[in-house]
Amino acid sequence: MTPCLRNALAALLLIPTLAAAQTPSSPPAATDFQSALQVSLEASRDSRRGVQLHVDGVRIAGLVREIHADAVVLSNREFERIVVRRDRISAVEGN
């Protein structure tokens, strides 16, 4: 194998590596959802407007009272305290 051919093959092998190194990696979708969820929950709590959380196919409506790392505390007309695990929330609706 000639040195010229060896250099060409080495360059071809490096091109995908260099391209992958320059492509910005996007954060995982879970992180995006968790940050969007956090913003929505804080907005609801601060504005004292209600939200609807979708938890395992069930809607839970209420006002956000407390936000914890692993849970959200709501209240509504029917119940004074509703504790929902954050990892079970699949969607949030609010104004």
N, C-alpha and C. Protein backbone atom coordinates (compact mmCIF):
# COMPACT_ATOMS: atom_id res chain seq x y z
N MET A 1 0.85 -1.17 0.00
CA MET A 1 0.00 0.00 0.00
C MET A 1 0.90 1.24 0.00
N THR A 2 0.60 2.15 -0.87
CA THR A 2 1.43 3.34 -0.99
C THR A 2 1.09 4.33 0.12
N PRO A 3 2.03 5.16 0.46
CA PRO A 3 1.76 6.15 1.51
C PRO A 3 0.61 7.08 1.16
N CYS A 4 0.46 7.41 -0.09
CA CYS A 4 -0.64 8.30 -0.52
C CYS A 4 -1.99 7.62 -0.29
N LEU A 5 -2.08 6.34 -0.64
CA LEU A 5 -3.33 5.61 -0.45
C LEU A 5 -3.62 5.42 1.04
N ARG A 6 -2.61 5.18 1.82
CA ARG A 6 -2.78 5.00 3.27
C ARG A 6 -3.29 6.31 3.90
N ASN A 7 -2.76 7.45 3.48
CA ASN A 7 -3.22 8.74 4.01
C ASN A 7 -4.66 9.02 3.61
N ALA A 8 -5.02 8.64 2.38
CA ALA A 8 -6.40 8.86 1.92
C ALA A 8 -7.37 8.01 2.73
N LEU A 9 -7.01 6.76 2.99
CA LEU A 9 -7.88 5.89 3.80
C LEU A 9 -8.00 6.40 5.23
N ALA A 10 -6.90 6.86 5.78
CA ALA A 10 -6.94 7.41 7.14
C ALA A 10 -7.84 8.63 7.19
N ALA A 11 -7.78 9.47 6.18
CA ALA A 11 -8.63 10.67 6.14
C ALA A 11 -10.10 10.27 6.04
N LEU A 12 -10.42 9.27 5.23
CA LEU A 12 -11.80 8.82 5.10
C LEU A 12 -12.34 8.25 6.41
N LEU A 13 -11.46 7.60 7.16
CA LEU A 13 -11.90 7.05 8.44
C LEU A 13 -12.11 8.14 9.49
N LEU A 14 -11.40 9.25 9.38
CA LEU A 14 -11.51 10.32 10.36
C LEU A 14 -12.70 11.25 10.10
N ILE A 15 -13.19 11.31 8.89
CA ILE A 15 -14.27 12.25 8.56
C ILE A 15 -15.51 12.02 9.42
N PRO A 16 -16.03 10.79 9.55
CA PRO A 16 -17.22 10.61 10.41
C PRO A 16 -16.95 10.96 11.87
N THR A 17 -15.74 10.70 12.34
CA THR A 17 -15.39 11.01 13.73
C THR A 17 -15.40 12.51 13.95
N LEU A 18 -14.83 13.25 13.04
CA LEU A 18 -14.80 14.70 13.16
C LEU A 18 -16.20 15.30 13.03
N ALA A 19 -17.00 14.75 12.14
CA ALA A 19 -18.36 15.25 11.96
C ALA A 19 -19.19 15.01 13.21
N ALA A 20 -19.02 13.86 13.83
CA ALA A 20 -19.77 13.55 15.05
C ALA A 20 -19.33 14.44 16.19
N ALA A 21 -18.05 14.78 16.24
CA ALA A 21 -17.55 15.64 17.31
C ALA A 21 -18.08 17.06 17.18
N GLN A 22 -18.37 17.52 15.95
CA GLN A 22 -18.84 18.89 15.75
C GLN A 22 -20.35 19.01 15.84
N THR A 23 -21.07 17.91 15.78
CA THR A 23 -22.52 17.95 15.86
C THR A 23 -22.93 18.15 17.31
N PRO A 24 -23.67 19.23 17.61
CA PRO A 24 -24.07 19.43 19.01
C PRO A 24 -25.06 18.36 19.43
N SER A 25 -24.84 17.83 20.61
CA SER A 25 -25.76 16.80 21.10
C SER A 25 -26.93 17.49 21.78
N SER A 26 -28.11 16.98 21.52
CA SER A 26 -29.30 17.56 22.15
C SER A 26 -29.53 16.87 23.49
N PRO A 27 -30.03 17.61 24.46
CA PRO A 27 -30.29 16.99 25.76
C PRO A 27 -31.41 15.98 25.66
N PRO A 28 -31.46 15.04 26.56
CA PRO A 28 -32.52 14.03 26.53
C PRO A 28 -33.89 14.67 26.63
N ALA A 29 -34.88 14.04 26.04
CA ALA A 29 -36.24 14.57 26.04
C ALA A 29 -36.81 14.68 27.45
N ALA A 30 -36.41 13.78 28.33
CA ALA A 30 -36.91 13.82 29.70
C ALA A 30 -36.50 15.12 30.38
N THR A 31 -35.29 15.57 30.14
CA THR A 31 -34.83 16.82 30.73
C THR A 31 -35.65 17.98 30.20
N ASP A 32 -35.93 17.99 28.90
CA ASP A 32 -36.74 19.05 28.32
C ASP A 32 -38.14 19.05 28.94
N PHE A 33 -38.73 17.88 29.09
CA PHE A 33 -40.07 17.78 29.68
C PHE A 33 -40.04 18.25 31.12
N GLN A 34 -39.06 17.82 31.88
CA GLN A 34 -38.99 18.19 33.29
C GLN A 34 -38.81 19.70 33.47
N SER A 35 -38.01 20.31 32.61
CA SER A 35 -37.83 21.76 32.73
C SER A 35 -39.10 22.50 32.31
N ALA A 36 -39.78 22.04 31.26
CA ALA A 36 -41.04 22.66 30.85
C ALA A 36 -42.11 22.46 31.92
N LEU A 37 -42.13 21.30 32.53
CA LEU A 37 -43.07 21.02 33.61
C LEU A 37 -42.82 21.95 34.79
N GLN A 38 -41.56 22.13 35.14
CA GLN A 38 -41.20 23.00 36.25
C GLN A 38 -41.66 24.43 35.99
N VAL A 39 -41.44 24.93 34.78
CA VAL A 39 -41.87 26.29 34.42
C VAL A 39 -43.38 26.43 34.51
N SER A 40 -44.12 25.45 34.01
CA SER A 40 -45.59 25.49 34.05
C SER A 40 -46.11 25.44 35.48
N LEU A 41 -45.52 24.59 36.29
CA LEU A 41 -45.96 24.48 37.68
C LEU A 41 -45.68 25.76 38.46
N GLU A 42 -44.49 26.33 38.26
CA GLU A 42 -44.15 27.57 38.96
C GLU A 42 -45.05 28.72 38.52
N ALA A 43 -45.36 28.79 37.22
CA ALA A 43 -46.25 29.84 36.72
C ALA A 43 -47.64 29.70 37.33
N SER A 44 -48.12 28.48 37.44
CA SER A 44 -49.43 28.24 38.05
C SER A 44 -49.42 28.64 39.51
N ARG A 45 -48.38 28.23 40.21
CA ARG A 45 -48.30 28.55 41.65
C ARG A 45 -48.21 30.07 41.86
N ASP A 46 -47.37 30.74 41.08
CA ASP A 46 -47.16 32.18 41.28
C ASP A 46 -48.37 33.01 40.87
N SER A 47 -49.10 32.58 39.83
CA SER A 47 -50.25 33.34 39.37
C SER A 47 -51.55 32.89 40.03
N ARG A 48 -51.48 31.83 40.81
CA ARG A 48 -52.64 31.25 41.50
C ARG A 48 -53.74 30.86 40.52
N ARG A 49 -53.32 30.29 39.38
CA ARG A 49 -54.24 29.78 38.38
C ARG A 49 -54.17 28.26 38.38
N GLY A 50 -55.26 27.64 38.08
CA GLY A 50 -55.34 26.19 38.12
C GLY A 50 -54.62 25.51 36.96
N VAL A 51 -54.30 24.26 37.17
CA VAL A 51 -53.71 23.41 36.14
C VAL A 51 -54.44 22.08 36.14
N GLN A 52 -54.26 21.35 35.05
CA GLN A 52 -54.72 19.97 34.99
C GLN A 52 -53.50 19.10 34.70
N LEU A 53 -53.24 18.17 35.58
CA LEU A 53 -52.14 17.23 35.39
C LEU A 53 -52.71 15.93 34.82
N HIS A 54 -52.04 15.37 33.85
CA HIS A 54 -52.41 14.08 33.30
C HIS A 54 -51.52 13.03 33.94
N VAL A 55 -52.13 12.17 34.72
CA VAL A 55 -51.40 11.16 35.48
C VAL A 55 -51.99 9.79 35.16
N ASP A 56 -51.24 8.96 34.47
CA ASP A 56 -51.68 7.62 34.11
C ASP A 56 -53.06 7.61 33.46
N GLY A 57 -53.30 8.57 32.56
CA GLY A 57 -54.56 8.63 31.83
C GLY A 57 -55.69 9.31 32.56
N VAL A 58 -55.44 9.85 33.72
CA VAL A 58 -56.47 10.52 34.53
C VAL A 58 -56.09 11.99 34.67
N ARG A 59 -57.08 12.87 34.55
CA ARG A 59 -56.83 14.30 34.75
C ARG A 59 -57.06 14.66 36.21
N ILE A 60 -56.12 15.40 36.76
CA ILE A 60 -56.25 15.90 38.13
C ILE A 60 -56.14 17.42 38.06
N ALA A 61 -57.22 18.10 38.42
CA ALA A 61 -57.27 19.55 38.35
C ALA A 61 -57.07 20.15 39.74
N GLY A 62 -56.37 21.27 39.79
CA GLY A 62 -56.20 21.95 41.07
C GLY A 62 -55.23 23.11 40.97
N LEU A 63 -55.04 23.75 42.12
CA LEU A 63 -54.07 24.83 42.25
C LEU A 63 -52.77 24.26 42.79
N VAL A 64 -51.66 24.68 42.24
CA VAL A 64 -50.36 24.20 42.72
C VAL A 64 -50.04 24.92 44.02
N ARG A 65 -49.84 24.16 45.06
CA ARG A 65 -49.51 24.71 46.38
C ARG A 65 -48.02 24.60 46.68
N GLU A 66 -47.44 23.43 46.38
CA GLU A 66 -46.03 23.19 46.66
C GLU A 66 -45.41 22.41 45.51
N ILE A 67 -44.14 22.69 45.24
CA ILE A 67 -43.39 21.95 44.22
C ILE A 67 -42.15 21.38 44.89
N HIS A 68 -42.04 20.07 44.86
CA HIS A 68 -40.89 19.38 45.44
C HIS A 68 -40.12 18.67 44.33
N ALA A 69 -38.97 18.15 44.65
CA ALA A 69 -38.15 17.46 43.65
C ALA A 69 -38.84 16.24 43.08
N ASP A 70 -39.61 15.53 43.90
CA ASP A 70 -40.24 14.29 43.45
C ASP A 70 -41.76 14.32 43.47
N ALA A 71 -42.36 15.43 43.91
CA ALA A 71 -43.82 15.49 44.01
C ALA A 71 -44.33 16.92 43.84
N VAL A 72 -45.62 17.00 43.52
CA VAL A 72 -46.32 18.28 43.41
C VAL A 72 -47.55 18.19 44.30
N VAL A 73 -47.80 19.23 45.07
CA VAL A 73 -48.96 19.27 45.95
C VAL A 73 -49.97 20.24 45.36
N LEU A 74 -51.19 19.73 45.13
CA LEU A 74 -52.29 20.52 44.60
C LEU A 74 -53.40 20.60 45.64
N SER A 75 -54.35 21.51 45.39
CA SER A 75 -55.60 21.52 46.15
C SER A 75 -56.71 21.94 45.20
N ASN A 76 -57.92 21.48 45.49
CA ASN A 76 -59.08 21.89 44.70
C ASN A 76 -60.29 21.98 45.62
N ARG A 77 -61.46 22.18 45.06
CA ARG A 77 -62.67 22.33 45.88
C ARG A 77 -63.00 21.08 46.69
N GLU A 78 -62.65 19.95 46.12
CA GLU A 78 -63.00 18.69 46.75
C GLU A 78 -62.00 18.24 47.81
N PHE A 79 -60.69 18.45 47.51
CA PHE A 79 -59.63 17.97 48.40
C PHE A 79 -58.68 19.11 48.74
N GLU A 80 -58.32 19.18 50.01
CA GLU A 80 -57.41 20.22 50.47
C GLU A 80 -55.96 19.93 50.08
N ARG A 81 -55.61 18.64 49.98
CA ARG A 81 -54.22 18.27 49.68
C ARG A 81 -54.20 17.06 48.75
N ILE A 82 -53.61 17.26 47.57
CA ILE A 82 -53.44 16.17 46.59
C ILE A 82 -51.95 16.10 46.27
N VAL A 83 -51.34 14.98 46.54
CA VAL A 83 -49.91 14.81 46.29
C VAL A 83 -49.74 13.92 45.06
N VAL A 84 -49.01 14.43 44.07
CA VAL A 84 -48.82 13.71 42.81
C VAL A 84 -47.32 13.52 42.59
N ARG A 85 -46.94 12.28 42.28
CA ARG A 85 -45.53 12.00 41.97
C ARG A 85 -45.17 12.62 40.63
N ARG A 86 -44.05 13.32 40.55
CA ARG A 86 -43.65 14.00 39.33
C ARG A 86 -43.34 13.04 38.21
N ASP A 87 -42.79 11.87 38.54
CA ASP A 87 -42.42 10.93 37.48
C ASP A 87 -43.64 10.27 36.84
N ARG A 88 -44.83 10.46 37.41
CA ARG A 88 -46.07 9.91 36.84
C ARG A 88 -46.80 10.90 35.94
N ILE A 89 -46.39 12.17 35.96
CA ILE A 89 -47.07 13.20 35.18
C ILE A 89 -46.64 13.07 33.71
N SER A 90 -47.63 12.92 32.83
CA SER A 90 -47.32 12.80 31.40
C SER A 90 -47.63 14.08 30.65
N ALA A 91 -48.45 14.96 31.21
CA ALA A 91 -48.76 16.24 30.55
C ALA A 91 -49.32 17.21 31.59
N VAL A 92 -49.23 18.48 31.27
CA VAL A 92 -49.80 19.52 32.13
C VAL A 92 -50.52 20.54 31.25
N GLU A 93 -51.71 20.95 31.70
CA GLU A 93 -52.49 21.97 31.00
C GLU A 93 -52.67 23.13 31.95
N GLY A 94 -52.48 24.33 31.42
CA GLY A 94 -52.68 25.52 32.24
C GLY A 94 -52.70 26.76 31.39
N ASN A 95 -53.17 27.86 31.99
CA ASN A 95 -53.23 29.14 31.27
C ASN A 95 -52.01 29.97 31.55
